[in-house]
Amino acid sequence: MCNCAWYSCKRSSRRWPVSLFFGLLDITGVNAFVIWTELNPTWKCSQSGKQPSDTRRLFLLDVGESMVMPSAERRSLSPDVAFLPATRRAMTAIGVSPVRKTSEPAASGKRKRCHLYTAKQDRKCRVNCDICHLPVCGDHMQSNNAQVSHVLGTDRRTG
């Protein structure tokens, strides 16, 4: 017998849409578990053919992980998102290795003017383009899977 309140996602809330959503999640989890165990009766059975007592919890963990992993893997490819320390720790905790930013700061460590702006506009930056190795600001930076390049056709230099 399954005591459904053991693995509930309900939380106390003053907003009725949030309470309704949590209730729908609980109902959906129970329904999905019942259908899954009817279609796969030997899922997570031990050698003796007996299911563990926390089968529903294991099912909900598997469903949650299968829903989160594609998004986490997609986000791990973006160096801008994976660069944040909290995001990097969270991705590492679930077993996804985020890519590292490969763009190097300016050679002298000083901030340099973006090569696509004029001296009058004076936009300073620390990141160099991986293709032409010239300084590029955030407005002109285009990030493609750990490679930073500038957006072509936006050259604002005069004379």
N, C-alpha and C. Protein backbone atom coordinates (compact mmCIF):
# COMPACT_ATOMS: atom_id res chain seq x y z
N MET A 1 0.84 -1.18 0.00
CA MET A 1 0.00 0.00 0.00
C MET A 1 0.89 1.25 0.00
N CYS A 2 0.49 2.22 -0.77
CA CYS A 2 1.29 3.44 -0.94
C CYS A 2 0.67 4.57 -0.14
N ASN A 3 1.44 5.12 0.76
CA ASN A 3 0.99 6.30 1.49
C ASN A 3 1.48 7.51 0.70
N CYS A 4 0.59 8.15 -0.04
CA CYS A 4 0.97 9.20 -0.98
C CYS A 4 1.47 10.47 -0.31
N ALA A 5 1.13 10.68 0.94
CA ALA A 5 1.57 11.89 1.62
C ALA A 5 3.05 11.84 1.98
N TRP A 6 3.66 10.66 1.94
CA TRP A 6 5.08 10.57 2.27
C TRP A 6 5.94 11.32 1.27
N TYR A 7 5.59 11.27 -0.01
CA TYR A 7 6.41 11.88 -1.05
C TYR A 7 5.64 12.99 -1.74
N SER A 8 5.14 13.89 -0.98
CA SER A 8 4.34 14.99 -1.53
C SER A 8 5.25 16.21 -1.77
N CYS A 9 4.89 16.99 -2.78
CA CYS A 9 5.64 18.23 -3.04
C CYS A 9 4.87 19.44 -2.53
N LYS A 10 3.78 19.21 -1.81
CA LYS A 10 2.97 20.33 -1.32
C LYS A 10 3.73 21.13 -0.28
N ARG A 11 3.55 22.43 -0.36
CA ARG A 11 4.10 23.36 0.62
C ARG A 11 2.99 24.33 0.98
N SER A 12 3.09 24.88 2.17
CA SER A 12 2.06 25.85 2.55
C SER A 12 2.29 27.14 1.78
N SER A 13 1.22 27.66 1.21
CA SER A 13 1.30 28.87 0.41
C SER A 13 0.00 29.64 0.55
N ARG A 14 0.11 30.96 0.51
CA ARG A 14 -1.08 31.80 0.57
C ARG A 14 -1.69 32.01 -0.81
N ARG A 15 -0.98 31.61 -1.83
CA ARG A 15 -1.47 31.80 -3.20
C ARG A 15 -2.10 30.52 -3.69
N TRP A 16 -3.38 30.58 -4.03
CA TRP A 16 -4.10 29.38 -4.41
C TRP A 16 -3.59 28.76 -5.71
N PRO A 17 -3.05 29.52 -6.70
CA PRO A 17 -2.52 28.85 -7.89
C PRO A 17 -1.31 27.97 -7.59
N VAL A 18 -0.50 28.39 -6.63
CA VAL A 18 0.66 27.59 -6.26
C VAL A 18 0.21 26.30 -5.57
N SER A 19 -0.76 26.39 -4.68
CA SER A 19 -1.29 25.20 -4.01
C SER A 19 -1.92 24.25 -5.02
N LEU A 20 -2.64 24.81 -5.97
CA LEU A 20 -3.26 23.98 -7.01
C LEU A 20 -2.20 23.28 -7.85
N PHE A 21 -1.14 24.00 -8.21
CA PHE A 21 -0.06 23.41 -9.01
C PHE A 21 0.62 22.27 -8.26
N PHE A 22 0.92 22.47 -6.97
CA PHE A 22 1.54 21.40 -6.19
C PHE A 22 0.62 20.19 -6.07
N GLY A 23 -0.66 20.44 -5.91
CA GLY A 23 -1.62 19.33 -5.86
C GLY A 23 -1.67 18.56 -7.17
N LEU A 24 -1.64 19.29 -8.29
CA LEU A 24 -1.62 18.64 -9.59
C LEU A 24 -0.34 17.84 -9.80
N LEU A 25 0.78 18.36 -9.32
CA LEU A 25 2.04 17.60 -9.42
C LEU A 25 1.96 16.30 -8.63
N ASP A 26 1.40 16.35 -7.43
CA ASP A 26 1.25 15.14 -6.62
C ASP A 26 0.36 14.12 -7.32
N ILE A 27 -0.76 14.56 -7.83
CA ILE A 27 -1.70 13.66 -8.52
C ILE A 27 -1.04 13.06 -9.76
N THR A 28 -0.32 13.88 -10.51
CA THR A 28 0.36 13.41 -11.71
C THR A 28 1.44 12.38 -11.36
N GLY A 29 2.18 12.63 -10.28
CA GLY A 29 3.20 11.69 -9.85
C GLY A 29 2.62 10.35 -9.46
N VAL A 30 1.51 10.34 -8.74
CA VAL A 30 0.88 9.08 -8.33
C VAL A 30 0.34 8.35 -9.56
N ASN A 31 -0.32 9.07 -10.46
CA ASN A 31 -0.88 8.44 -11.66
C ASN A 31 0.22 7.85 -12.55
N ALA A 32 1.29 8.59 -12.74
CA ALA A 32 2.40 8.10 -13.56
C ALA A 32 3.03 6.86 -12.93
N PHE A 33 3.16 6.86 -11.60
CA PHE A 33 3.74 5.71 -10.91
C PHE A 33 2.86 4.47 -11.06
N VAL A 34 1.54 4.64 -10.92
CA VAL A 34 0.62 3.50 -11.06
C VAL A 34 0.69 2.93 -12.47
N ILE A 35 0.69 3.79 -13.48
CA ILE A 35 0.76 3.31 -14.86
C ILE A 35 2.09 2.62 -15.11
N TRP A 36 3.18 3.20 -14.63
CA TRP A 36 4.51 2.63 -14.85
C TRP A 36 4.64 1.26 -14.19
N THR A 37 4.17 1.11 -12.98
CA THR A 37 4.29 -0.18 -12.30
C THR A 37 3.38 -1.24 -12.92
N GLU A 38 2.26 -0.82 -13.51
CA GLU A 38 1.40 -1.79 -14.20
C GLU A 38 2.06 -2.26 -15.50
N LEU A 39 2.73 -1.36 -16.19
CA LEU A 39 3.38 -1.73 -17.45
C LEU A 39 4.71 -2.43 -17.23
N ASN A 40 5.40 -2.13 -16.15
CA ASN A 40 6.72 -2.70 -15.84
C ASN A 40 6.72 -3.26 -14.42
N PRO A 41 6.11 -4.43 -14.21
CA PRO A 41 5.99 -4.95 -12.84
C PRO A 41 7.32 -5.37 -12.22
N THR A 42 8.33 -5.65 -13.02
CA THR A 42 9.61 -6.09 -12.47
C THR A 42 10.61 -4.95 -12.31
N TRP A 43 10.16 -3.70 -12.49
CA TRP A 43 11.06 -2.56 -12.38
C TRP A 43 11.56 -2.43 -10.94
N LYS A 44 12.87 -2.30 -10.78
CA LYS A 44 13.55 -2.12 -9.48
C LYS A 44 13.28 -3.27 -8.52
N CYS A 45 13.05 -4.46 -9.03
CA CYS A 45 12.86 -5.62 -8.15
C CYS A 45 14.22 -6.19 -7.77
N SER A 46 14.30 -6.74 -6.59
CA SER A 46 15.54 -7.38 -6.14
C SER A 46 15.58 -8.82 -6.67
N GLN A 47 16.59 -9.57 -6.29
CA GLN A 47 16.74 -10.96 -6.74
C GLN A 47 15.56 -11.82 -6.30
N SER A 48 14.98 -11.53 -5.16
CA SER A 48 13.86 -12.32 -4.64
C SER A 48 12.54 -11.94 -5.32
N GLY A 49 12.55 -10.96 -6.21
CA GLY A 49 11.33 -10.55 -6.90
C GLY A 49 10.47 -9.61 -6.09
N LYS A 50 11.02 -9.09 -5.01
CA LYS A 50 10.27 -8.20 -4.13
C LYS A 50 10.69 -6.76 -4.39
N GLN A 51 9.72 -5.86 -4.50
CA GLN A 51 10.03 -4.45 -4.72
C GLN A 51 10.37 -3.78 -3.40
N PRO A 52 11.32 -2.82 -3.42
CA PRO A 52 11.63 -2.08 -2.19
C PRO A 52 10.44 -1.24 -1.76
N SER A 53 10.42 -0.88 -0.50
CA SER A 53 9.28 -0.13 0.03
C SER A 53 9.23 1.31 -0.47
N ASP A 54 10.34 1.84 -0.95
CA ASP A 54 10.36 3.23 -1.42
C ASP A 54 10.40 3.32 -2.94
N THR A 55 9.66 2.43 -3.61
CA THR A 55 9.66 2.40 -5.07
C THR A 55 9.13 3.70 -5.66
N ARG A 56 8.13 4.27 -5.05
CA ARG A 56 7.57 5.51 -5.58
C ARG A 56 8.59 6.64 -5.49
N ARG A 57 9.33 6.69 -4.41
CA ARG A 57 10.37 7.72 -4.26
C ARG A 57 11.43 7.54 -5.35
N LEU A 58 11.87 6.30 -5.59
CA LEU A 58 12.86 6.04 -6.63
C LEU A 58 12.31 6.41 -8.02
N PHE A 59 11.03 6.13 -8.25
CA PHE A 59 10.40 6.48 -9.51
C PHE A 59 10.38 8.00 -9.70
N LEU A 60 9.99 8.74 -8.67
CA LEU A 60 9.94 10.20 -8.78
C LEU A 60 11.34 10.79 -8.98
N LEU A 61 12.35 10.20 -8.34
CA LEU A 61 13.72 10.67 -8.56
C LEU A 61 14.16 10.42 -10.00
N ASP A 62 13.84 9.24 -10.54
CA ASP A 62 14.20 8.94 -11.93
C ASP A 62 13.49 9.86 -12.91
N VAL A 63 12.22 10.11 -12.67
CA VAL A 63 11.45 11.00 -13.55
C VAL A 63 12.03 12.42 -13.49
N GLY A 64 12.30 12.90 -12.30
CA GLY A 64 12.87 14.25 -12.15
C GLY A 64 14.22 14.37 -12.82
N GLU A 65 15.07 13.36 -12.66
CA GLU A 65 16.39 13.40 -13.27
C GLU A 65 16.29 13.34 -14.79
N SER A 66 15.39 12.50 -15.31
CA SER A 66 15.25 12.42 -16.76
C SER A 66 14.69 13.70 -17.36
N MET A 67 13.95 14.48 -16.57
CA MET A 67 13.43 15.75 -17.07
C MET A 67 14.47 16.86 -16.98
N VAL A 68 15.36 16.81 -16.01
CA VAL A 68 16.33 17.88 -15.79
C VAL A 68 17.59 17.72 -16.63
N MET A 69 18.02 16.48 -16.88
CA MET A 69 19.31 16.26 -17.53
C MET A 69 19.43 16.89 -18.92
N PRO A 70 18.45 16.80 -19.83
CA PRO A 70 18.65 17.44 -21.13
C PRO A 70 18.87 18.96 -21.02
N SER A 71 18.14 19.60 -20.15
CA SER A 71 18.31 21.04 -19.97
C SER A 71 19.66 21.36 -19.34
N ALA A 72 20.07 20.56 -18.37
CA ALA A 72 21.36 20.79 -17.71
C ALA A 72 22.51 20.58 -18.69
N GLU A 73 22.41 19.56 -19.52
CA GLU A 73 23.47 19.32 -20.51
C GLU A 73 23.53 20.44 -21.54
N ARG A 74 22.37 20.94 -21.95
CA ARG A 74 22.33 22.04 -22.91
C ARG A 74 22.92 23.31 -22.28
N ARG A 75 22.60 23.56 -21.02
CA ARG A 75 23.13 24.75 -20.34
C ARG A 75 24.62 24.63 -20.07
N SER A 76 25.12 23.40 -19.91
CA SER A 76 26.54 23.23 -19.62
C SER A 76 27.40 23.61 -20.81
N LEU A 77 26.84 23.64 -22.02
CA LEU A 77 27.60 24.00 -23.21
C LEU A 77 27.77 25.51 -23.36
N SER A 78 26.98 26.29 -22.64
CA SER A 78 27.07 27.74 -22.71
C SER A 78 28.08 28.23 -21.67
N PRO A 79 29.21 28.79 -22.11
CA PRO A 79 30.21 29.24 -21.14
C PRO A 79 29.73 30.41 -20.29
N ASP A 80 28.79 31.21 -20.81
CA ASP A 80 28.30 32.35 -20.03
C ASP A 80 27.48 31.89 -18.84
N VAL A 81 26.64 30.88 -19.01
CA VAL A 81 25.81 30.37 -17.93
C VAL A 81 26.63 29.51 -16.98
N ALA A 82 27.49 28.66 -17.53
CA ALA A 82 28.28 27.75 -16.71
C ALA A 82 29.40 28.47 -15.96
N PHE A 83 29.62 29.74 -16.26
CA PHE A 83 30.68 30.50 -15.62
C PHE A 83 30.31 30.91 -14.19
N LEU A 84 29.01 31.03 -13.90
CA LEU A 84 28.57 31.45 -12.57
C LEU A 84 28.90 30.36 -11.55
N PRO A 85 29.49 30.72 -10.40
CA PRO A 85 29.93 29.71 -9.43
C PRO A 85 28.80 28.83 -8.90
N ALA A 86 27.65 29.41 -8.59
CA ALA A 86 26.54 28.61 -8.07
C ALA A 86 26.04 27.62 -9.11
N THR A 87 25.96 28.05 -10.36
CA THR A 87 25.52 27.17 -11.44
C THR A 87 26.53 26.07 -11.67
N ARG A 88 27.82 26.41 -11.62
CA ARG A 88 28.87 25.41 -11.81
C ARG A 88 28.80 24.34 -10.71
N ARG A 89 28.60 24.76 -9.46
CA ARG A 89 28.49 23.79 -8.35
C ARG A 89 27.27 22.90 -8.52
N ALA A 90 26.14 23.48 -8.91
CA ALA A 90 24.92 22.70 -9.08
C ALA A 90 25.08 21.68 -10.22
N MET A 91 25.70 22.09 -11.31
CA MET A 91 25.90 21.17 -12.43
C MET A 91 26.86 20.04 -12.05
N THR A 92 27.89 20.37 -11.31
CA THR A 92 28.83 19.35 -10.88
C THR A 92 28.16 18.36 -9.91
N ALA A 93 27.24 18.84 -9.08
CA ALA A 93 26.55 17.98 -8.12
C ALA A 93 25.68 16.94 -8.80
N ILE A 94 25.11 17.27 -9.96
CA ILE A 94 24.26 16.29 -10.64
C ILE A 94 25.03 15.50 -11.70
N GLY A 95 26.32 15.73 -11.81
CA GLY A 95 27.15 14.92 -12.70
C GLY A 95 27.35 15.48 -14.09
N VAL A 96 27.06 16.75 -14.31
CA VAL A 96 27.27 17.39 -15.62
C VAL A 96 28.49 18.28 -15.49
N SER A 97 29.43 18.13 -16.42
CA SER A 97 30.63 18.96 -16.34
C SER A 97 30.49 20.16 -17.26
N PRO A 98 30.43 21.37 -16.68
CA PRO A 98 30.29 22.58 -17.49
C PRO A 98 31.59 22.91 -18.21
N VAL A 99 31.47 23.55 -19.37
CA VAL A 99 32.65 23.94 -20.13
C VAL A 99 33.28 25.17 -19.48
N ARG A 100 34.56 25.32 -19.69
CA ARG A 100 35.27 26.48 -19.14
C ARG A 100 35.35 27.56 -20.21
N LYS A 101 35.38 28.79 -19.76
CA LYS A 101 35.55 29.91 -20.69
C LYS A 101 37.00 29.90 -21.17
N THR A 102 37.17 29.89 -22.47
CA THR A 102 38.53 29.85 -23.01
C THR A 102 39.02 31.21 -23.46
N SER A 103 38.17 32.20 -23.48
CA SER A 103 38.62 33.51 -23.91
C SER A 103 39.59 34.08 -22.89
N GLU A 104 40.67 34.60 -23.39
CA GLU A 104 41.71 35.08 -22.50
C GLU A 104 41.58 36.58 -22.28
N PRO A 105 41.91 37.05 -21.08
CA PRO A 105 41.86 38.49 -20.86
C PRO A 105 42.96 39.19 -21.66
N ALA A 106 42.89 40.48 -21.71
CA ALA A 106 43.89 41.25 -22.44
C ALA A 106 45.28 40.90 -21.94
N ALA A 107 46.27 40.93 -22.83
CA ALA A 107 47.60 40.42 -22.54
C ALA A 107 48.25 41.09 -21.33
N SER A 108 48.11 42.37 -21.20
CA SER A 108 48.78 43.06 -20.10
C SER A 108 47.95 43.05 -18.82
N GLY A 109 46.71 42.53 -18.87
CA GLY A 109 45.85 42.53 -17.70
C GLY A 109 45.07 43.82 -17.57
N LYS A 110 45.41 44.81 -18.38
CA LYS A 110 44.70 46.08 -18.35
C LYS A 110 43.46 46.01 -19.22
N ARG A 111 42.53 46.89 -18.91
CA ARG A 111 41.35 47.00 -19.77
C ARG A 111 41.74 47.80 -21.00
N LYS A 112 41.29 47.30 -22.16
CA LYS A 112 41.60 47.99 -23.41
C LYS A 112 40.31 48.40 -24.09
N ARG A 113 40.42 49.34 -25.01
CA ARG A 113 39.26 49.84 -25.74
C ARG A 113 38.83 48.81 -26.77
N CYS A 114 37.52 48.58 -26.87
CA CYS A 114 36.96 47.68 -27.87
C CYS A 114 37.37 48.19 -29.25
N HIS A 115 37.91 47.32 -30.09
CA HIS A 115 38.43 47.76 -31.38
C HIS A 115 37.33 48.15 -32.37
N LEU A 116 36.06 47.91 -32.02
CA LEU A 116 34.96 48.28 -32.89
C LEU A 116 34.35 49.63 -32.54
N TYR A 117 34.82 50.27 -31.46
CA TYR A 117 34.35 51.60 -31.08
C TYR A 117 35.43 52.62 -31.37
N THR A 118 35.03 53.87 -31.52
CA THR A 118 35.99 54.95 -31.71
C THR A 118 36.53 55.38 -30.35
N ALA A 119 37.57 56.19 -30.38
CA ALA A 119 38.15 56.68 -29.13
C ALA A 119 37.15 57.58 -28.40
N LYS A 120 36.29 58.22 -29.16
CA LYS A 120 35.29 59.10 -28.55
C LYS A 120 34.27 58.29 -27.75
N GLN A 121 33.89 57.10 -28.26
CA GLN A 121 32.92 56.26 -27.56
C GLN A 121 33.56 55.55 -26.36
N ASP A 122 34.84 55.20 -26.45
CA ASP A 122 35.65 54.70 -25.34
C ASP A 122 34.98 53.59 -24.53
N ARG A 123 34.74 52.46 -25.12
CA ARG A 123 34.16 51.31 -24.43
C ARG A 123 35.29 50.36 -24.04
N LYS A 124 35.56 50.22 -22.75
CA LYS A 124 36.66 49.40 -22.26
C LYS A 124 36.22 47.95 -22.06
N CYS A 125 37.16 47.00 -22.23
CA CYS A 125 36.87 45.58 -22.04
C CYS A 125 38.14 44.83 -21.67
N ARG A 126 37.96 43.61 -21.16
CA ARG A 126 39.10 42.77 -20.78
C ARG A 126 39.21 41.50 -21.63
N VAL A 127 38.27 41.27 -22.51
CA VAL A 127 38.23 40.02 -23.27
C VAL A 127 38.70 40.27 -24.70
N ASN A 128 39.51 39.33 -25.22
CA ASN A 128 39.99 39.40 -26.60
C ASN A 128 39.21 38.42 -27.46
N CYS A 129 39.06 38.75 -28.73
CA CYS A 129 38.45 37.85 -29.69
C CYS A 129 39.39 36.66 -29.91
N ASP A 130 38.84 35.45 -29.97
CA ASP A 130 39.67 34.27 -30.18
C ASP A 130 40.17 34.14 -31.62
N ILE A 131 39.56 34.88 -32.54
CA ILE A 131 39.95 34.78 -33.94
C ILE A 131 41.01 35.81 -34.30
N CYS A 132 40.71 37.10 -34.02
CA CYS A 132 41.64 38.16 -34.41
C CYS A 132 42.49 38.66 -33.25
N HIS A 133 42.21 38.21 -32.04
CA HIS A 133 42.95 38.55 -30.81
C HIS A 133 42.94 40.05 -30.49
N LEU A 134 41.90 40.75 -30.91
CA LEU A 134 41.72 42.16 -30.57
C LEU A 134 40.68 42.28 -29.47
N PRO A 135 40.73 43.34 -28.66
CA PRO A 135 39.77 43.51 -27.57
C PRO A 135 38.33 43.66 -28.09
N VAL A 136 37.38 42.97 -27.43
CA VAL A 136 35.97 43.00 -27.83
C VAL A 136 35.14 43.21 -26.58
N CYS A 137 34.17 44.16 -26.66
CA CYS A 137 33.28 44.42 -25.52
C CYS A 137 32.08 43.48 -25.56
N GLY A 138 31.25 43.54 -24.54
CA GLY A 138 30.08 42.67 -24.45
C GLY A 138 29.05 42.93 -25.54
N ASP A 139 28.96 44.17 -26.05
CA ASP A 139 28.00 44.49 -27.11
C ASP A 139 28.35 43.78 -28.42
N HIS A 140 29.63 43.59 -28.67
CA HIS A 140 30.07 43.01 -29.94
C HIS A 140 30.51 41.56 -29.80
N MET A 141 30.43 41.01 -28.61
CA MET A 141 30.90 39.65 -28.39
C MET A 141 29.83 38.65 -28.85
N GLN A 142 30.28 37.61 -29.53
CA GLN A 142 29.41 36.53 -29.95
C GLN A 142 30.05 35.26 -29.42
N SER A 143 29.33 34.53 -28.55
CA SER A 143 29.88 33.34 -27.92
C SER A 143 29.36 32.09 -28.60
N ASN A 144 30.26 31.25 -29.09
CA ASN A 144 29.89 29.99 -29.75
C ASN A 144 30.66 28.85 -29.10
N ASN A 145 30.03 28.16 -28.12
CA ASN A 145 30.61 26.98 -27.48
C ASN A 145 32.07 27.20 -27.10
N ALA A 146 32.31 28.05 -26.18
CA ALA A 146 33.62 28.33 -25.59
C ALA A 146 34.55 29.07 -26.54
N GLN A 147 34.04 29.68 -27.61
CA GLN A 147 34.85 30.50 -28.49
C GLN A 147 34.21 31.87 -28.58
N VAL A 148 34.99 32.91 -28.32
CA VAL A 148 34.48 34.27 -28.36
C VAL A 148 34.98 34.93 -29.63
N SER A 149 34.07 35.47 -30.41
CA SER A 149 34.44 36.21 -31.60
C SER A 149 33.58 37.46 -31.67
N HIS A 150 33.91 38.38 -32.55
CA HIS A 150 33.11 39.59 -32.65
C HIS A 150 32.10 39.43 -33.78
N VAL A 151 31.02 40.17 -33.67
CA VAL A 151 29.97 40.13 -34.67
C VAL A 151 30.46 40.87 -35.89
N LEU A 152 30.48 40.20 -37.03
CA LEU A 152 30.99 40.82 -38.25
C LEU A 152 29.99 41.83 -38.79
N GLY A 153 30.49 42.84 -39.44
CA GLY A 153 29.63 43.84 -40.06
C GLY A 153 29.21 44.94 -39.11
N THR A 154 29.80 45.02 -37.93
CA THR A 154 29.43 46.08 -37.00
C THR A 154 30.62 46.98 -36.69
N ASP A 155 31.52 47.10 -37.63
CA ASP A 155 32.71 47.91 -37.41
C ASP A 155 32.31 49.37 -37.38
N ARG A 156 32.56 50.05 -36.24
CA ARG A 156 32.15 51.46 -36.05
C ARG A 156 33.35 52.41 -36.09
N ARG A 157 34.51 51.89 -36.42
CA ARG A 157 35.69 52.76 -36.45
C ARG A 157 35.59 53.74 -37.61
N THR A 158 36.12 54.89 -37.40
CA THR A 158 36.14 55.89 -38.48
C THR A 158 37.58 56.18 -38.87
N GLY A 159 37.79 56.29 -40.17
CA GLY A 159 39.02 56.71 -40.74
C GLY A 159 40.20 56.01 -40.35
